Amino acid sequence: MSTEQSPAKKLAIVLINWNSFELTKDTLESLQQTTYTNYDCIVVDNGSVDGSGELIQKQFLNCIVLKSPTNKGFTGGNNIGMDFALQKGYEYIMMLNNDVAVEPNFLEPLIAKLDQDDSVGAVQPLIYFHHDRHLIWNAGSRYLSWIGLPLTLMYFRKDPIRLQINKQKKIDWITGCAFMMRASVLRKTGTLKEPYFIYFEDVDLSFRIKQAGYQLGYVPESVIYHIAGMSHKSKTKEKEGFLIPKVHYLNGRNRIWFLKAHTPWWAIPTTFFYQFMYYLAVSFYFISRLRFNKLKAWISGIKDGLISSV
């Protein structure tokens, strides 16, 4: 029996920074503690105006810092990093949010899964909330195709029976929070669709990977912790809550874009009914809470989703 080991894969980890030096710094410092070292960290400064990109470049000399003159969103920012990684010939590419902390050994199980199973095109870890490291943020996913509903498994559950979450399994889509894929697969599918900006872009890419003939894997031996949603909230609670209206515009529009692209013909009647009721319910919620700026953004997103496509 040969004792030779396969060579370590060269990995590119892509993070986006947008006016958030402290968050990005904490994530980069967490990555510095990883036990897998054959990777490069690519930070895309996404049009920051607070000098955070320069600070990262100065304090993290081992990082590759790419700069965008404007904020291109989650999609455009990640595409800058992924295009760079594809050009440089990395074998694996990982999108990682800049508001996470990672276990030191989180990379090895993900790399091992891709090494060992050629049918798997992309993988994700088990993700807990950062503020409560027993509270689950994402333990894989399902997609109810008959109503067009992506679900996050075990969301907001207290690490109950470990047997429910500690088994590797095939999943329906992967969160953009921690999305590792083969570069060879990404060359086939293309990168993120930039008009999405943010929201549903990860589900769309997941579906395109599956359409290319690959499976998606959940690897719970890999663990990270996520703060979640920091770039989409105002710093203080306003009259209409923390979430800014643009979040609702993008969610309303992008959901329709995704459904138009990926709903099978046999599910159109049930998906239309479910989604119509969903959009109606959200609209009435905004009215009942007197959140008219959010309602306006929501309706605008619906209109743009219906009259345009990505």
Protein backbone atom coordinates (compact mmCIF):
# COMPACT_ATOMS: atom_id res chain seq x y z
CA MET A 1 0.00 0.00 0.00
CA SER A 2 1.35 3.41 -0.93
CA THR A 3 2.06 5.77 1.95
CA GLU A 4 2.15 8.81 -0.29
CA GLN A 5 -0.36 11.51 0.52
CA SER A 6 -2.11 13.59 -2.11
CA PRO A 7 -0.73 17.11 -2.20
CA ALA A 8 -2.58 19.81 -0.31
CA LYS A 9 -4.94 21.82 -2.46
CA LYS A 10 -4.33 25.49 -3.02
CA LEU A 11 -7.30 27.41 -1.67
CA ALA A 12 -8.36 31.03 -2.11
CA ILE A 13 -10.61 32.48 0.63
CA VAL A 14 -12.46 35.58 -0.58
CA LEU A 15 -13.79 38.14 1.91
CA ILE A 16 -15.46 41.48 1.28
CA ASN A 17 -14.78 44.57 3.36
CA TRP A 18 -17.12 47.54 3.19
CA ASN A 19 -16.49 50.23 5.80
CA SER A 20 -16.11 47.58 8.49
CA PHE A 21 -12.48 47.34 9.58
CA GLU A 22 -13.14 45.90 13.05
CA LEU A 23 -15.36 43.09 11.75
CA THR A 24 -12.95 42.21 8.95
CA LYS A 25 -9.96 42.42 11.30
CA ASP A 26 -11.54 39.98 13.74
CA THR A 27 -12.29 37.52 10.95
CA LEU A 28 -8.77 37.76 9.53
CA GLU A 29 -7.26 37.25 12.98
CA SER A 30 -9.46 34.18 13.42
CA LEU A 31 -8.27 32.83 10.06
CA GLN A 32 -4.66 33.29 11.16
CA GLN A 33 -5.25 30.58 13.78
CA THR A 34 -6.26 27.92 11.25
CA THR A 35 -4.29 24.70 11.16
CA TYR A 36 -4.63 24.36 7.37
CA THR A 37 -2.15 26.81 5.89
CA ASN A 38 -2.07 26.17 2.14
CA TYR A 39 -4.41 29.02 1.28
CA ASP A 40 -4.35 32.68 0.37
CA CYS A 41 -6.76 35.22 1.80
CA ILE A 42 -8.14 37.66 -0.76
CA VAL A 43 -9.84 40.73 0.71
CA VAL A 44 -11.92 42.81 -1.68
CA ASP A 45 -12.35 46.35 -0.39
CA ASN A 46 -15.77 47.12 -1.81
CA GLY A 47 -15.67 50.90 -2.25
CA SER A 48 -14.99 51.73 1.40
CA VAL A 49 -14.74 55.43 2.24
CA ASP A 50 -13.55 55.09 5.84
CA GLY A 51 -9.97 54.05 5.13
CA SER A 52 -10.60 50.48 6.26
CA GLY A 53 -9.16 49.02 3.06
CA GLU A 54 -5.87 50.80 3.63
CA LEU A 55 -5.79 49.67 7.26
CA ILE A 56 -6.28 46.04 6.25
CA GLN A 57 -3.53 46.31 3.64
CA LYS A 58 -1.20 47.79 6.24
CA GLN A 59 -1.94 45.42 9.12
CA PHE A 60 -2.38 42.14 7.23
CA LEU A 61 0.61 41.91 4.94
CA ASN A 62 -0.09 38.27 4.16
CA CYS A 63 -3.47 39.14 2.60
CA ILE A 64 -4.05 40.01 -1.03
CA VAL A 65 -6.12 43.21 -1.03
CA LEU A 66 -8.07 44.08 -4.17
CA LYS A 67 -9.88 47.40 -4.38
CA SER A 68 -13.11 48.32 -6.08
CA PRO A 69 -13.78 52.05 -6.55
CA THR A 70 -17.49 51.53 -5.81
CA ASN A 71 -19.63 49.21 -3.71
CA LYS A 72 -20.53 46.40 -6.10
CA GLY A 73 -22.54 44.50 -3.54
CA PHE A 74 -22.00 40.97 -2.32
CA THR A 75 -22.13 39.66 -5.87
CA GLY A 76 -19.78 42.13 -7.55
CA GLY A 77 -17.33 42.20 -4.66
CA ASN A 78 -17.05 38.43 -4.46
CA ASN A 79 -16.75 38.20 -8.24
CA ILE A 80 -13.70 40.46 -8.17
CA GLY A 81 -12.04 38.06 -5.75
CA MET A 82 -13.22 34.89 -7.49
CA ASP A 83 -12.18 36.14 -10.94
CA PHE A 84 -8.73 36.86 -9.51
CA ALA A 85 -8.58 33.37 -7.98
CA LEU A 86 -9.64 31.74 -11.24
CA GLN A 87 -6.96 33.65 -13.15
CA LYS A 88 -4.29 32.61 -10.65
CA GLY A 89 -5.17 28.94 -10.87
CA TYR A 90 -6.34 28.09 -7.34
CA GLU A 91 -8.03 24.71 -7.15
CA TYR A 92 -10.66 25.60 -4.55
CA ILE A 93 -12.34 28.94 -3.89
CA MET A 94 -14.30 29.89 -0.78
CA MET A 95 -16.61 32.84 -0.22
CA LEU A 96 -16.49 33.71 3.48
CA ASN A 97 -18.35 36.51 5.21
CA ASN A 98 -16.26 39.11 7.02
CA ASP A 99 -18.31 38.77 10.23
CA VAL A 100 -17.37 35.24 11.25
CA ALA A 101 -15.04 33.47 13.64
CA VAL A 102 -13.76 30.04 12.67
CA GLU A 103 -12.62 26.96 14.51
CA PRO A 104 -8.89 26.42 13.87
CA ASN A 105 -9.52 23.15 12.01
CA PHE A 106 -12.56 24.26 9.99
CA LEU A 107 -10.85 24.02 6.59
CA GLU A 108 -9.57 20.43 6.67
CA PRO A 109 -13.00 18.69 6.64
CA LEU A 110 -14.23 20.85 3.76
CA ILE A 111 -11.07 20.23 1.74
CA ALA A 112 -11.24 16.51 2.52
CA LYS A 113 -14.84 16.24 1.28
CA LEU A 114 -13.95 17.83 -2.05
CA ASP A 115 -10.80 15.72 -2.31
CA GLN A 116 -12.62 12.47 -1.66
CA ASP A 117 -15.87 12.88 -3.60
CA ASP A 118 -15.68 14.09 -7.19
CA SER A 119 -19.48 14.22 -7.42
CA VAL A 120 -19.58 17.11 -4.92
CA GLY A 121 -19.07 20.52 -6.46
CA ALA A 122 -19.37 22.70 -3.34
CA VAL A 123 -19.56 22.37 0.44
CA GLN A 124 -20.45 24.36 3.54
CA PRO A 125 -19.72 24.07 7.30
CA LEU A 126 -22.03 23.96 10.29
CA ILE A 127 -22.67 27.58 11.30
CA TYR A 128 -23.60 28.84 14.77
CA PHE A 129 -24.49 32.33 15.89
CA HIS A 130 -21.47 34.25 17.15
CA HIS A 131 -23.20 35.61 20.25
CA ASP A 132 -24.40 32.16 21.38
CA ARG A 133 -22.17 29.36 20.21
CA HIS A 134 -24.80 26.70 20.89
CA LEU A 135 -27.48 28.45 18.81
CA ILE A 136 -27.57 27.24 15.22
CA TRP A 137 -27.62 29.71 12.33
CA ASN A 138 -27.36 27.17 9.50
CA ALA A 139 -27.07 23.38 9.51
CA GLY A 140 -27.69 22.82 5.83
CA SER A 141 -30.71 23.51 3.67
CA ARG A 142 -33.73 22.23 1.80
CA TYR A 143 -35.67 23.65 -1.12
CA LEU A 144 -39.42 23.04 -1.43
CA SER A 145 -39.64 23.16 -5.21
CA TRP A 146 -43.44 22.87 -5.32
CA ILE A 147 -43.80 26.30 -3.66
CA GLY A 148 -40.39 27.82 -4.42
CA LEU A 149 -39.26 28.05 -0.79
CA PRO A 150 -35.60 27.80 0.33
CA LEU A 151 -35.32 26.64 3.94
CA THR A 152 -32.43 26.84 6.40
CA LEU A 153 -32.28 23.72 8.54
CA MET A 154 -32.19 23.95 12.34
CA TYR A 155 -32.21 27.76 12.29
CA PHE A 156 -32.32 29.25 15.80
CA ARG A 157 -32.29 25.81 17.41
CA LYS A 158 -30.20 25.11 20.48
CA ASP A 159 -27.64 22.49 19.48
CA PRO A 160 -30.18 19.81 20.50
CA ILE A 161 -29.42 16.19 19.73
CA ARG A 162 -26.05 16.24 18.00
CA LEU A 163 -27.10 13.28 15.87
CA GLN A 164 -29.47 15.60 14.02
CA ILE A 165 -26.72 17.91 12.81
CA ASN A 166 -23.41 16.06 12.91
CA LYS A 167 -23.90 13.82 9.89
CA GLN A 168 -22.61 14.78 6.47
CA LYS A 169 -25.40 14.99 3.91
CA LYS A 170 -26.38 16.31 0.51
CA ILE A 171 -28.23 19.62 0.64
CA ASP A 172 -30.24 21.73 -1.79
CA TRP A 173 -28.36 25.03 -1.60
CA ILE A 174 -25.39 26.60 0.17
CA THR A 175 -25.31 29.87 2.06
CA GLY A 176 -22.98 32.57 0.75
CA CYS A 177 -21.72 33.00 4.32
CA ALA A 178 -19.30 30.09 3.84
CA PHE A 179 -19.41 28.60 0.34
CA MET A 180 -16.42 26.51 -0.79
CA MET A 181 -16.39 25.24 -4.37
CA ARG A 182 -14.14 23.72 -6.96
CA ALA A 183 -12.63 26.29 -9.30
CA SER A 184 -13.24 23.86 -12.16
CA VAL A 185 -16.97 23.90 -11.36
CA LEU A 186 -17.05 27.68 -11.15
CA ARG A 187 -15.51 27.88 -14.61
CA LYS A 188 -18.45 25.86 -15.91
CA THR A 189 -21.23 27.69 -14.09
CA GLY A 190 -19.85 31.21 -14.07
CA THR A 191 -19.56 33.31 -10.93
CA LEU A 192 -22.35 35.12 -9.08
CA LYS A 193 -24.91 37.01 -11.16
CA GLU A 194 -24.09 40.60 -10.31
CA PRO A 195 -27.55 42.18 -10.77
CA TYR A 196 -28.71 40.32 -7.65
CA PHE A 197 -26.36 42.56 -5.60
CA ILE A 198 -27.22 40.54 -2.49
CA TYR A 199 -29.87 37.94 -1.54
CA PHE A 200 -30.71 34.78 -3.49
CA GLU A 201 -27.40 34.99 -5.36
CA ASP A 202 -26.10 32.03 -3.33
CA VAL A 203 -29.22 29.95 -3.98
CA ASP A 204 -28.97 30.78 -7.68
CA LEU A 205 -25.30 29.71 -7.84
CA SER A 206 -26.14 26.53 -5.91
CA PHE A 207 -28.80 25.64 -8.45
CA ARG A 208 -26.46 26.30 -11.36
CA ILE A 209 -23.87 23.98 -9.78
CA LYS A 210 -26.50 21.25 -9.47
CA GLN A 211 -27.62 21.85 -13.05
CA ALA A 212 -23.99 21.28 -14.09
CA GLY A 213 -24.27 17.78 -12.61
CA TYR A 214 -22.72 18.22 -9.16
CA GLN A 215 -24.01 17.68 -5.64
CA LEU A 216 -23.77 20.06 -2.69
CA GLY A 217 -22.39 18.89 0.64
CA TYR A 218 -22.95 19.81 4.28
CA VAL A 219 -19.87 19.05 6.41
CA PRO A 220 -20.63 19.52 10.14
CA GLU A 221 -17.11 18.58 11.23
CA SER A 222 -16.28 22.09 10.01
CA VAL A 223 -17.62 24.78 12.36
CA ILE A 224 -17.78 28.57 12.20
CA TYR A 225 -19.66 31.32 14.08
CA HIS A 226 -21.58 34.11 12.34
CA ILE A 227 -22.60 37.56 13.61
CA ALA A 228 -25.14 37.81 10.72
CA GLY A 229 -26.60 40.76 8.88
CA MET A 230 -24.37 43.55 10.10
CA SER A 231 -24.11 45.35 6.74
CA HIS A 232 -27.87 45.53 6.29
CA LYS A 233 -28.85 47.22 9.54
CA SER A 234 -28.75 50.81 10.68
CA LYS A 235 -26.58 51.39 13.74
CA THR A 236 -29.58 52.56 15.76
CA LYS A 237 -33.20 51.49 15.71
CA GLU A 238 -35.23 53.90 13.62
CA LYS A 239 -38.99 54.35 13.50
CA GLU A 240 -39.26 51.43 11.07
CA GLY A 241 -36.77 49.14 12.79
CA PHE A 242 -33.13 48.25 12.21
CA LEU A 243 -33.32 46.82 8.69
CA ILE A 244 -32.98 49.45 5.98
CA PRO A 245 -35.69 49.62 3.26
CA LYS A 246 -33.26 48.53 0.53
CA VAL A 247 -33.09 45.10 2.16
CA HIS A 248 -36.79 44.62 1.48
CA TYR A 249 -36.50 45.97 -2.05
CA LEU A 250 -33.73 43.48 -2.87
CA ASN A 251 -35.49 40.56 -1.17
CA GLY A 252 -38.74 41.30 -2.99
CA ARG A 253 -37.11 41.70 -6.40
CA ASN A 254 -34.53 38.92 -6.16
CA ARG A 255 -36.97 36.28 -4.97
CA ILE A 256 -39.04 36.88 -8.13
CA TRP A 257 -35.92 36.85 -10.32
CA PHE A 258 -34.86 33.53 -8.82
CA LEU A 259 -38.31 31.96 -9.18
CA LYS A 260 -38.57 33.04 -12.80
CA ALA A 261 -35.22 31.37 -13.52
CA HIS A 262 -35.62 28.14 -11.55
CA THR A 263 -39.29 27.19 -11.11
CA PRO A 264 -40.11 23.96 -12.99
CA TRP A 265 -43.18 24.11 -15.18
CA TRP A 266 -45.12 21.63 -13.04
CA ALA A 267 -44.70 23.82 -9.93
CA ILE A 268 -45.82 27.11 -11.49
CA PRO A 269 -49.47 27.00 -10.19
CA THR A 270 -48.60 26.11 -6.58
CA THR A 271 -45.57 28.40 -6.51
CA PHE A 272 -47.59 31.32 -7.86
CA PHE A 273 -50.30 30.82 -5.23
CA TYR A 274 -47.87 30.45 -2.32
CA GLN A 275 -45.70 33.38 -3.37
CA PHE A 276 -48.71 35.63 -4.02
CA MET A 277 -49.94 34.97 -0.49
CA TYR A 278 -46.44 35.53 0.90
CA TYR A 279 -46.00 38.89 -0.83
CA LEU A 280 -49.49 39.92 0.25
CA ALA A 281 -48.82 38.95 3.87
CA VAL A 282 -45.57 40.93 4.00
CA SER A 283 -47.31 43.96 2.49
CA PHE A 284 -50.08 43.84 5.11
CA TYR A 285 -47.46 43.46 7.85
CA PHE A 286 -45.74 46.68 6.78
CA ILE A 287 -49.11 48.47 6.66
CA SER A 288 -50.12 47.21 10.10
CA ARG A 289 -46.81 48.39 11.57
CA LEU A 290 -46.97 51.75 9.74
CA ARG A 291 -43.69 50.99 7.98
CA PHE A 292 -44.53 52.82 4.79
CA ASN A 293 -40.96 53.40 3.58
CA LYS A 294 -40.39 49.66 3.73
CA LEU A 295 -43.72 49.02 2.03
CA LYS A 296 -42.77 51.38 -0.78
CA ALA A 297 -39.42 49.63 -1.23
CA TRP A 298 -41.10 46.21 -1.11
CA ILE A 299 -43.65 47.11 -3.79
CA SER A 300 -40.94 48.67 -5.94
CA GLY A 301 -38.94 45.43 -5.66
CA ILE A 302 -41.97 43.38 -6.71
CA LYS A 303 -42.53 45.61 -9.75
CA ASP A 304 -38.89 45.46 -10.84
CA GLY A 305 -38.78 41.71 -10.32
CA LEU A 306 -41.80 41.21 -12.55
CA ILE A 307 -40.75 43.48 -15.42
CA SER A 308 -37.07 42.46 -15.55
CA SER A 309 -34.93 39.33 -15.31
CA VAL A 310 -31.36 38.52 -14.40
